[in-house]
Amino acid sequence: MSLSKKIIILGFILLFVFDAFVFYSWRRYRVENAYNESINHASKKYGISGALIKAIIWRESRFDRFAAGADGEVGLMQIRKLAATDWADAEGIEPFSMELLWNSDTNVLAGTWYVSMLSRRYTGTDFPLPYILADYNAGRRNVLRWIKGDARTNYAAFLKNIDFPGTRDYIDKVINRYKVYLQEDY
């Protein structure tokens, strides 16, 4: 094969790689920003950082509003029935049906309300975010097991007490993605 044919083939390969990267970046941008209006509204209503809500959505559903979990979690923020009914009661939404959570605006409102409620539980800690995320991911009962001794107020001790590798991974991934969204001035 001649040098000019090799250069042409290399040029096509580079063009293909560049196009794939641009398409992936564009698609990621479009998908990750599709619900910004809902996130901003819920963020303002409940006083929770939009970047945090977006990071939770990224980890919970990868922005798939039709996501459904094995334990009955639904939508963008993977809301369970108990959290949803607590939100509906607090907001005076009657009648309430889980079907409402398939609406992305409603799902983000319910999930952000729940994060807001969790954030009030851990105000006496040196870094509430790991506690909030552990509670969101593994539930209050597990957090109560992990919050013994120094872990009541010290997040490093709290993280050491978490015996679910998946929850530790969840906390790390959400916090790292939260930092990315903060840098993007979300």
C-alpha atoms as a PDB file:
ATOM      1  CA  MET A   1       0.000   0.000   0.000  1.00  0.00           C
ATOM      2  CA  SER A   2       1.347   3.396  -0.914  1.00  0.00           C
ATOM      3  CA  LEU A   3       2.087   6.111   1.619  1.00  0.00           C
ATOM      4  CA  SER A   4      -0.673   8.338   0.227  1.00  0.00           C
ATOM      5  CA  LYS A   5      -3.285   5.576   0.702  1.00  0.00           C
ATOM      6  CA  LYS A   6      -2.077   5.050   4.285  1.00  0.00           C
ATOM      7  CA  ILE A   7      -2.404   8.779   4.953  1.00  0.00           C
ATOM      8  CA  ILE A   8      -5.911   8.826   3.489  1.00  0.00           C
ATOM      9  CA  ILE A   9      -6.957   5.810   5.588  1.00  0.00           C
ATOM     10  CA  LEU A  10      -5.426   7.376   8.701  1.00  0.00           C
ATOM     11  CA  GLY A  11      -7.264  10.614   7.908  1.00  0.00           C
ATOM     12  CA  PHE A  12     -10.593   8.755   7.673  1.00  0.00           C
ATOM     13  CA  ILE A  13      -9.916   6.964  10.958  1.00  0.00           C
ATOM     14  CA  LEU A  14      -9.070  10.241  12.697  1.00  0.00           C
ATOM     15  CA  LEU A  15     -12.149  11.892  11.204  1.00  0.00           C
ATOM     16  CA  PHE A  16     -14.322   8.986  12.385  1.00  0.00           C
ATOM     17  CA  VAL A  17     -12.862   9.167  15.911  1.00  0.00           C
ATOM     18  CA  PHE A  18     -13.323  12.944  16.002  1.00  0.00           C
ATOM     19  CA  ASP A  19     -16.928  12.665  14.777  1.00  0.00           C
ATOM     20  CA  ALA A  20     -17.675   9.963  17.355  1.00  0.00           C
ATOM     21  CA  PHE A  21     -16.226  12.136  20.119  1.00  0.00           C
ATOM     22  CA  VAL A  22     -18.231  15.178  19.009  1.00  0.00           C
ATOM     23  CA  PHE A  23     -21.422  13.114  18.755  1.00  0.00           C
ATOM     24  CA  TYR A  24     -20.847  11.557  22.187  1.00  0.00           C
ATOM     25  CA  SER A  25     -20.139  14.969  23.739  1.00  0.00           C
ATOM     26  CA  TRP A  26     -23.202  16.517  22.112  1.00  0.00           C
ATOM     27  CA  ARG A  27     -25.411  13.607  23.174  1.00  0.00           C
ATOM     28  CA  ARG A  28     -24.055  13.714  26.755  1.00  0.00           C
ATOM     29  CA  TYR A  29     -24.674  17.459  26.897  1.00  0.00           C
ATOM     30  CA  ARG A  30     -28.195  17.087  25.527  1.00  0.00           C
ATOM     31  CA  VAL A  31     -29.131  14.200  27.815  1.00  0.00           C
ATOM     32  CA  GLU A  32     -27.584  15.704  30.947  1.00  0.00           C
ATOM     33  CA  ASN A  33     -29.293  19.038  30.392  1.00  0.00           C
ATOM     34  CA  ALA A  34     -32.722  17.823  29.326  1.00  0.00           C
ATOM     35  CA  TYR A  35     -34.170  18.269  32.815  1.00  0.00           C
ATOM     36  CA  ASN A  36     -32.420  21.470  33.887  1.00  0.00           C
ATOM     37  CA  GLU A  37     -35.685  23.409  34.094  1.00  0.00           C
ATOM     38  CA  SER A  38     -37.221  20.799  36.412  1.00  0.00           C
ATOM     39  CA  ILE A  39     -34.048  20.643  38.491  1.00  0.00           C
ATOM     40  CA  ASN A  40     -33.816  24.433  38.800  1.00  0.00           C
ATOM     41  CA  HIS A  41     -37.454  24.711  39.856  1.00  0.00           C
ATOM     42  CA  ALA A  42     -37.133  21.976  42.501  1.00  0.00           C
ATOM     43  CA  SER A  43     -33.785  23.347  43.671  1.00  0.00           C
ATOM     44  CA  LYS A  44     -35.280  26.777  44.326  1.00  0.00           C
ATOM     45  CA  LYS A  45     -38.430  25.392  45.906  1.00  0.00           C
ATOM     46  CA  TYR A  46     -36.628  23.147  48.403  1.00  0.00           C
ATOM     47  CA  GLY A  47     -33.294  24.946  48.845  1.00  0.00           C
ATOM     48  CA  ILE A  48     -31.081  22.134  47.566  1.00  0.00           C
ATOM     49  CA  SER A  49     -28.211  22.655  45.135  1.00  0.00           C
ATOM     50  CA  GLY A  50     -29.235  21.944  41.558  1.00  0.00           C
ATOM     51  CA  ALA A  51     -25.782  20.474  40.964  1.00  0.00           C
ATOM     52  CA  LEU A  52     -26.416  17.944  43.742  1.00  0.00           C
ATOM     53  CA  ILE A  53     -29.830  16.983  42.385  1.00  0.00           C
ATOM     54  CA  LYS A  54     -28.361  16.596  38.921  1.00  0.00           C
ATOM     55  CA  ALA A  55     -25.567  14.381  40.318  1.00  0.00           C
ATOM     56  CA  ILE A  56     -28.102  12.180  42.099  1.00  0.00           C
ATOM     57  CA  ILE A  57     -30.155  11.861  38.906  1.00  0.00           C
ATOM     58  CA  TRP A  58     -26.987  11.008  36.976  1.00  0.00           C
ATOM     59  CA  ARG A  59     -26.192   8.175  39.400  1.00  0.00           C
ATOM     60  CA  GLU A  60     -29.732   6.937  39.964  1.00  0.00           C
ATOM     61  CA  SER A  61     -31.084   6.818  36.409  1.00  0.00           C
ATOM     62  CA  ARG A  62     -28.508   8.299  34.009  1.00  0.00           C
ATOM     63  CA  PHE A  63     -31.259  10.763  33.073  1.00  0.00           C
ATOM     64  CA  ASP A  64     -33.684   8.038  31.971  1.00  0.00           C
ATOM     65  CA  ARG A  65     -37.107   9.197  33.142  1.00  0.00           C
ATOM     66  CA  PHE A  66     -38.480   5.700  32.522  1.00  0.00           C
ATOM     67  CA  ALA A  67     -35.943   3.981  34.789  1.00  0.00           C
ATOM     68  CA  ALA A  68     -37.459   1.460  37.191  1.00  0.00           C
ATOM     69  CA  GLY A  69     -35.641  -0.306  40.001  1.00  0.00           C
ATOM     70  CA  ALA A  70     -36.076  -3.839  41.293  1.00  0.00           C
ATOM     71  CA  ASP A  71     -37.456  -2.562  44.611  1.00  0.00           C
ATOM     72  CA  GLY A  72     -40.143  -0.342  43.097  1.00  0.00           C
ATOM     73  CA  GLU A  73     -38.040   2.813  42.574  1.00  0.00           C
ATOM     74  CA  VAL A  74     -39.218   4.893  39.635  1.00  0.00           C
ATOM     75  CA  GLY A  75     -38.139   7.729  37.411  1.00  0.00           C
ATOM     76  CA  LEU A  76     -35.195  10.074  37.271  1.00  0.00           C
ATOM     77  CA  MET A  77     -34.504  10.086  41.004  1.00  0.00           C
ATOM     78  CA  GLN A  78     -35.624   6.490  41.608  1.00  0.00           C
ATOM     79  CA  ILE A  79     -38.276   7.395  44.173  1.00  0.00           C
ATOM     80  CA  ARG A  80     -39.811   4.680  46.330  1.00  0.00           C
ATOM     81  CA  LYS A  81     -43.431   4.601  47.416  1.00  0.00           C
ATOM     82  CA  LEU A  82     -42.806   5.608  51.059  1.00  0.00           C
ATOM     83  CA  ALA A  83     -40.793   8.703  50.103  1.00  0.00           C
ATOM     84  CA  ALA A  84     -43.337   9.587  47.427  1.00  0.00           C
ATOM     85  CA  THR A  85     -46.304   9.343  49.779  1.00  0.00           C
ATOM     86  CA  ASP A  86     -44.440  11.359  52.436  1.00  0.00           C
ATOM     87  CA  TRP A  87     -43.820  14.065  49.820  1.00  0.00           C
ATOM     88  CA  ALA A  88     -47.432  13.978  48.631  1.00  0.00           C
ATOM     89  CA  ASP A  89     -48.684  14.272  52.221  1.00  0.00           C
ATOM     90  CA  ALA A  90     -46.321  17.176  52.955  1.00  0.00           C
ATOM     91  CA  GLU A  91     -47.429  18.965  49.790  1.00  0.00           C
ATOM     92  CA  GLY A  92     -51.122  18.182  50.208  1.00  0.00           C
ATOM     93  CA  ILE A  93     -51.348  16.248  46.948  1.00  0.00           C
ATOM     94  CA  GLU A  94     -54.560  14.220  46.948  1.00  0.00           C
ATOM     95  CA  PRO A  95     -55.254  11.816  45.489  1.00  0.00           C
ATOM     96  CA  PHE A  96     -51.722  10.533  45.051  1.00  0.00           C
ATOM     97  CA  SER A  97     -50.689   7.735  42.739  1.00  0.00           C
ATOM     98  CA  MET A  98     -47.226   6.379  41.978  1.00  0.00           C
ATOM     99  CA  GLU A  99     -48.106   6.941  38.323  1.00  0.00           C
ATOM    100  CA  LEU A 100     -47.527  10.664  38.944  1.00  0.00           C
ATOM    101  CA  LEU A 101     -43.802   9.948  39.409  1.00  0.00           C
ATOM    102  CA  TRP A 102     -43.384   9.015  35.756  1.00  0.00           C
ATOM    103  CA  ASN A 103     -43.715  12.734  35.071  1.00  0.00           C
ATOM    104  CA  SER A 104     -40.154  14.091  35.231  1.00  0.00           C
ATOM    105  CA  ASP A 105     -41.159  17.389  36.874  1.00  0.00           C
ATOM    106  CA  THR A 106     -43.064  15.570  39.617  1.00  0.00           C
ATOM    107  CA  ASN A 107     -40.285  13.025  40.118  1.00  0.00           C
ATOM    108  CA  VAL A 108     -37.629  15.709  40.515  1.00  0.00           C
ATOM    109  CA  LEU A 109     -39.852  17.644  42.943  1.00  0.00           C
ATOM    110  CA  ALA A 110     -40.486  14.560  45.081  1.00  0.00           C
ATOM    111  CA  GLY A 111     -36.829  13.517  45.060  1.00  0.00           C
ATOM    112  CA  THR A 112     -35.558  16.998  45.851  1.00  0.00           C
ATOM    113  CA  TRP A 113     -38.064  17.319  48.699  1.00  0.00           C
ATOM    114  CA  TYR A 114     -36.757  14.015  50.053  1.00  0.00           C
ATOM    115  CA  VAL A 115     -33.113  15.171  49.838  1.00  0.00           C
ATOM    116  CA  SER A 116     -34.142  18.385  51.598  1.00  0.00           C
ATOM    117  CA  MET A 117     -35.808  16.399  54.359  1.00  0.00           C
ATOM    118  CA  LEU A 118     -32.689  14.220  54.729  1.00  0.00           C
ATOM    119  CA  SER A 119     -30.429  17.274  54.844  1.00  0.00           C
ATOM    120  CA  ARG A 120     -32.213  18.506  57.985  1.00  0.00           C
ATOM    121  CA  ARG A 121     -31.334  15.256  59.764  1.00  0.00           C
ATOM    122  CA  TYR A 122     -27.566  15.750  59.564  1.00  0.00           C
ATOM    123  CA  THR A 123     -26.965  19.430  60.301  1.00  0.00           C
ATOM    124  CA  GLY A 124     -24.797  18.583  63.323  1.00  0.00           C
ATOM    125  CA  THR A 125     -22.163  16.781  61.255  1.00  0.00           C
ATOM    126  CA  ASP A 126     -18.906  18.168  59.899  1.00  0.00           C
ATOM    127  CA  PHE A 127     -19.875  17.256  56.291  1.00  0.00           C
ATOM    128  CA  PRO A 128     -23.566  16.327  55.916  1.00  0.00           C
ATOM    129  CA  LEU A 129     -23.423  15.209  52.272  1.00  0.00           C
ATOM    130  CA  PRO A 130     -22.127  11.641  52.856  1.00  0.00           C
ATOM    131  CA  TYR A 131     -24.820  11.104  55.496  1.00  0.00           C
ATOM    132  CA  ILE A 132     -27.541  12.414  53.183  1.00  0.00           C
ATOM    133  CA  LEU A 133     -26.374  10.262  50.287  1.00  0.00           C
ATOM    134  CA  ALA A 134     -26.014   7.149  52.452  1.00  0.00           C
ATOM    135  CA  ASP A 135     -29.562   7.663  53.720  1.00  0.00           C
ATOM    136  CA  TYR A 136     -30.870   8.226  50.176  1.00  0.00           C
ATOM    137  CA  ASN A 137     -29.111   5.106  48.921  1.00  0.00           C
ATOM    138  CA  ALA A 138     -29.249   2.619  51.816  1.00  0.00           C
ATOM    139  CA  GLY A 139     -32.013   3.975  54.047  1.00  0.00           C
ATOM    140  CA  ARG A 140     -32.322   5.394  57.513  1.00  0.00           C
ATOM    141  CA  ARG A 141     -32.101   2.023  59.277  1.00  0.00           C
ATOM    142  CA  ASN A 142     -28.626   1.385  57.872  1.00  0.00           C
ATOM    143  CA  VAL A 143     -27.441   4.917  58.571  1.00  0.00           C
ATOM    144  CA  LEU A 144     -28.467   4.447  62.204  1.00  0.00           C
ATOM    145  CA  ARG A 145     -26.203   1.371  62.334  1.00  0.00           C
ATOM    146  CA  TRP A 146     -23.266   3.338  60.888  1.00  0.00           C
ATOM    147  CA  ILE A 147     -23.646   6.526  62.910  1.00  0.00           C
ATOM    148  CA  LYS A 148     -22.194   5.187  66.175  1.00  0.00           C
ATOM    149  CA  GLY A 149     -19.534   6.943  68.296  1.00  0.00           C
ATOM    150  CA  ASP A 150     -17.443   9.526  66.437  1.00  0.00           C
ATOM    151  CA  ALA A 151     -19.452   8.785  63.289  1.00  0.00           C
ATOM    152  CA  ARG A 152     -22.339  10.806  64.728  1.00  0.00           C
ATOM    153  CA  THR A 153     -20.567  14.013  63.720  1.00  0.00           C
ATOM    154  CA  ASN A 154     -17.374  12.995  61.884  1.00  0.00           C
ATOM    155  CA  TYR A 155     -17.951  12.019  58.278  1.00  0.00           C
ATOM    156  CA  ALA A 156     -14.585  10.200  57.948  1.00  0.00           C
ATOM    157  CA  ALA A 157     -15.544   7.907  60.850  1.00  0.00           C
ATOM    158  CA  PHE A 158     -19.009   7.537  59.341  1.00  0.00           C
ATOM    159  CA  LEU A 159     -17.594   6.447  55.974  1.00  0.00           C
ATOM    160  CA  LYS A 160     -15.411   3.836  57.708  1.00  0.00           C
ATOM    161  CA  ASN A 161     -18.491   2.372  59.393  1.00  0.00           C
ATOM    162  CA  ILE A 162     -20.380   1.844  56.128  1.00  0.00           C
ATOM    163  CA  ASP A 163     -20.253  -1.888  55.484  1.00  0.00           C
ATOM    164  CA  PHE A 164     -21.996  -1.759  52.102  1.00  0.00           C
ATOM    165  CA  PRO A 165     -19.355  -1.279  49.369  1.00  0.00           C
ATOM    166  CA  GLY A 166     -22.116  -0.229  46.982  1.00  0.00           C
ATOM    167  CA  THR A 167     -23.165   2.614  49.264  1.00  0.00           C
ATOM    168  CA  ARG A 168     -19.587   3.827  49.694  1.00  0.00           C
ATOM    169  CA  ASP A 169     -19.206   3.729  45.910  1.00  0.00           C
ATOM    170  CA  TYR A 170     -22.522   5.556  45.488  1.00  0.00           C
ATOM    171  CA  ILE A 171     -21.392   8.350  47.837  1.00  0.00           C
ATOM    172  CA  ASP A 172     -18.029   8.717  46.057  1.00  0.00           C
ATOM    173  CA  LYS A 173     -19.576   8.790  42.589  1.00  0.00           C
ATOM    174  CA  VAL A 174     -22.318  11.273  43.444  1.00  0.00           C
ATOM    175  CA  ILE A 175     -19.908  13.617  45.228  1.00  0.00           C
ATOM    176  CA  ASN A 176     -17.437  13.475  42.327  1.00  0.00           C
ATOM    177  CA  ARG A 177     -20.180  14.163  39.766  1.00  0.00           C
ATOM    178  CA  TYR A 178     -21.531  16.949  42.019  1.00  0.00           C
ATOM    179  CA  LYS A 179     -18.095  18.597  41.852  1.00  0.00           C
ATOM    180  CA  VAL A 180     -18.149  18.330  38.044  1.00  0.00           C
ATOM    181  CA  TYR A 181     -21.555  20.031  37.856  1.00  0.00           C
ATOM    182  CA  LEU A 182     -20.416  22.735  40.276  1.00  0.00           C
ATOM    183  CA  GLN A 183     -17.423  23.444  38.013  1.00  0.00           C
ATOM    184  CA  GLU A 184     -19.809  23.734  35.089  1.00  0.00           C
ATOM    185  CA  ASP A 185     -21.572  26.474  37.115  1.00  0.00           C
ATOM    186  CA  TYR A 186     -24.716  24.465  37.267  1.00  0.00           C
END
